[in-house]
Amino acid sequence: MMLHPDMSDDVLSLSMFWAGLMMVFTPLIAAGIVIFIWRRGLRKAAVRPNDKLSS
């Protein structure tokens, strides 16, 4: 693959960029999913307050 002479990114720096991006956004996405599920559970519990889990 031919790169422009002014571009100095190599495969290692590009992979480190993606690794850093995943380290930043993975916890944010996971926290968003957990909060979404938690709020959905609260909303369902508010709609049916007398439902109990059968244990």
N, C-alpha and C. Protein backbone atom coordinates (compact mmCIF):
# COMPACT_ATOMS: atom_id res chain seq x y z
N MET A 1 0.84 -1.16 0.00
CA MET A 1 0.00 0.00 0.00
C MET A 1 0.89 1.24 0.00
N MET A 2 0.66 2.11 -0.92
CA MET A 2 1.45 3.33 -1.04
C MET A 2 0.85 4.44 -0.18
N LEU A 3 1.66 5.00 0.69
CA LEU A 3 1.22 6.11 1.51
C LEU A 3 1.82 7.41 0.98
N HIS A 4 1.14 8.49 1.25
CA HIS A 4 1.66 9.79 0.87
C HIS A 4 2.95 10.03 1.64
N PRO A 5 3.96 10.66 1.04
CA PRO A 5 5.25 10.85 1.75
C PRO A 5 5.14 11.64 3.04
N ASP A 6 4.13 12.52 3.17
CA ASP A 6 3.99 13.29 4.40
C ASP A 6 3.37 12.49 5.54
N MET A 7 2.76 11.37 5.22
CA MET A 7 2.12 10.56 6.25
C MET A 7 3.16 9.65 6.89
N SER A 8 3.24 9.66 8.21
CA SER A 8 4.25 8.86 8.89
C SER A 8 3.62 7.80 9.80
N ASP A 9 2.31 7.58 9.69
CA ASP A 9 1.67 6.56 10.52
C ASP A 9 2.07 5.18 10.04
N ASP A 10 2.47 4.36 10.97
CA ASP A 10 2.75 2.97 10.63
C ASP A 10 1.69 2.09 11.28
N VAL A 11 1.80 0.82 11.08
CA VAL A 11 0.79 -0.11 11.57
C VAL A 11 0.73 -0.10 13.09
N LEU A 12 1.86 0.01 13.75
CA LEU A 12 1.88 -0.01 15.21
C LEU A 12 1.16 1.21 15.79
N SER A 13 1.42 2.40 15.25
CA SER A 13 0.76 3.58 15.80
C SER A 13 -0.74 3.55 15.52
N LEU A 14 -1.13 3.02 14.38
CA LEU A 14 -2.56 2.90 14.08
C LEU A 14 -3.24 1.90 15.00
N SER A 15 -2.57 0.78 15.27
CA SER A 15 -3.16 -0.20 16.19
C SER A 15 -3.21 0.34 17.61
N MET A 16 -2.22 1.13 18.01
CA MET A 16 -2.26 1.74 19.34
C MET A 16 -3.38 2.78 19.44
N PHE A 17 -3.64 3.48 18.35
CA PHE A 17 -4.77 4.42 18.33
C PHE A 17 -6.08 3.68 18.56
N TRP A 18 -6.29 2.57 17.84
CA TRP A 18 -7.53 1.82 17.99
C TRP A 18 -7.64 1.18 19.38
N ALA A 19 -6.51 0.73 19.92
CA ALA A 19 -6.54 0.15 21.27
C ALA A 19 -6.93 1.23 22.30
N GLY A 20 -6.38 2.42 22.16
CA GLY A 20 -6.72 3.50 23.06
C GLY A 20 -8.17 3.92 22.92
N LEU A 21 -8.66 3.95 21.68
CA LEU A 21 -10.05 4.30 21.43
C LEU A 21 -10.99 3.29 22.08
N MET A 22 -10.65 2.02 21.97
CA MET A 22 -11.49 0.98 22.58
C MET A 22 -11.43 1.06 24.11
N MET A 23 -10.24 1.39 24.67
CA MET A 23 -10.13 1.51 26.12
C MET A 23 -10.96 2.67 26.66
N VAL A 24 -11.15 3.70 25.86
CA VAL A 24 -11.95 4.85 26.30
C VAL A 24 -13.44 4.55 26.15
N PHE A 25 -13.85 4.04 25.01
CA PHE A 25 -15.27 3.94 24.72
C PHE A 25 -15.94 2.66 25.21
N THR A 26 -15.21 1.58 25.41
CA THR A 26 -15.83 0.34 25.89
C THR A 26 -16.46 0.51 27.27
N PRO A 27 -15.79 1.11 28.25
CA PRO A 27 -16.46 1.31 29.54
C PRO A 27 -17.67 2.24 29.45
N LEU A 28 -17.60 3.25 28.60
CA LEU A 28 -18.73 4.16 28.44
C LEU A 28 -19.93 3.44 27.85
N ILE A 29 -19.69 2.63 26.83
CA ILE A 29 -20.78 1.88 26.21
C ILE A 29 -21.35 0.86 27.20
N ALA A 30 -20.48 0.16 27.92
CA ALA A 30 -20.94 -0.82 28.90
C ALA A 30 -21.76 -0.16 30.01
N ALA A 31 -21.32 0.98 30.49
CA ALA A 31 -22.07 1.70 31.52
C ALA A 31 -23.42 2.15 30.98
N GLY A 32 -23.45 2.59 29.74
CA GLY A 32 -24.72 2.99 29.13
C GLY A 32 -25.69 1.84 29.04
N ILE A 33 -25.20 0.66 28.69
CA ILE A 33 -26.06 -0.53 28.60
C ILE A 33 -26.60 -0.90 29.98
N VAL A 34 -25.73 -0.87 30.99
CA VAL A 34 -26.16 -1.21 32.35
C VAL A 34 -27.20 -0.22 32.85
N ILE A 35 -27.01 1.06 32.61
CA ILE A 35 -27.98 2.07 33.05
C ILE A 35 -29.30 1.91 32.30
N PHE A 36 -29.23 1.59 31.00
CA PHE A 36 -30.44 1.38 30.22
C PHE A 36 -31.24 0.20 30.76
N ILE A 37 -30.58 -0.91 31.06
CA ILE A 37 -31.28 -2.09 31.59
C ILE A 37 -31.84 -1.81 32.97
N TRP A 38 -31.08 -1.11 33.80
CA TRP A 38 -31.53 -0.77 35.15
C TRP A 38 -32.78 0.11 35.11
N ARG A 39 -32.76 1.14 34.25
CA ARG A 39 -33.91 2.04 34.16
C ARG A 39 -35.12 1.34 33.57
N ARG A 40 -34.89 0.41 32.62
CA ARG A 40 -36.00 -0.35 32.06
C ARG A 40 -36.63 -1.24 33.13
N GLY A 41 -35.81 -1.82 34.00
CA GLY A 41 -36.33 -2.62 35.10
C GLY A 41 -37.13 -1.78 36.08
N LEU A 42 -36.65 -0.56 36.37
CA LEU A 42 -37.41 0.32 37.26
C LEU A 42 -38.75 0.70 36.66
N ARG A 43 -38.76 0.95 35.35
CA ARG A 43 -40.00 1.33 34.68
C ARG A 43 -40.99 0.16 34.69
N LYS A 44 -40.50 -1.05 34.45
CA LYS A 44 -41.39 -2.22 34.49
C LYS A 44 -41.92 -2.45 35.90
N ALA A 45 -41.09 -2.23 36.91
CA ALA A 45 -41.53 -2.41 38.30
C ALA A 45 -42.57 -1.35 38.67
N ALA A 46 -42.47 -0.16 38.12
CA ALA A 46 -43.45 0.88 38.42
C ALA A 46 -44.79 0.58 37.77
N VAL A 47 -44.77 -0.07 36.62
CA VAL A 47 -46.02 -0.41 35.94
C VAL A 47 -46.75 -1.53 36.67
N ARG A 48 -46.00 -2.52 37.15
CA ARG A 48 -46.60 -3.65 37.86
C ARG A 48 -46.01 -3.74 39.26
N PRO A 49 -46.46 -2.92 40.21
CA PRO A 49 -45.82 -2.90 41.53
C PRO A 49 -46.09 -4.14 42.39
N ASN A 50 -47.17 -4.89 42.12
CA ASN A 50 -47.50 -6.03 42.97
C ASN A 50 -46.96 -7.35 42.45
N ASP A 51 -46.27 -7.35 41.32
CA ASP A 51 -45.66 -8.58 40.82
C ASP A 51 -44.46 -8.94 41.68
N LYS A 52 -44.41 -10.18 42.09
CA LYS A 52 -43.28 -10.66 42.87
C LYS A 52 -42.63 -11.81 42.10
N LEU A 53 -41.33 -11.94 42.26
CA LEU A 53 -40.63 -13.05 41.64
C LEU A 53 -40.98 -14.32 42.41
N SER A 54 -41.33 -15.36 41.68
CA SER A 54 -41.66 -16.62 42.36
C SER A 54 -40.36 -17.37 42.61
N SER A 55 -40.03 -17.60 43.87
CA SER A 55 -38.79 -18.27 44.22
C SER A 55 -39.08 -19.61 44.83
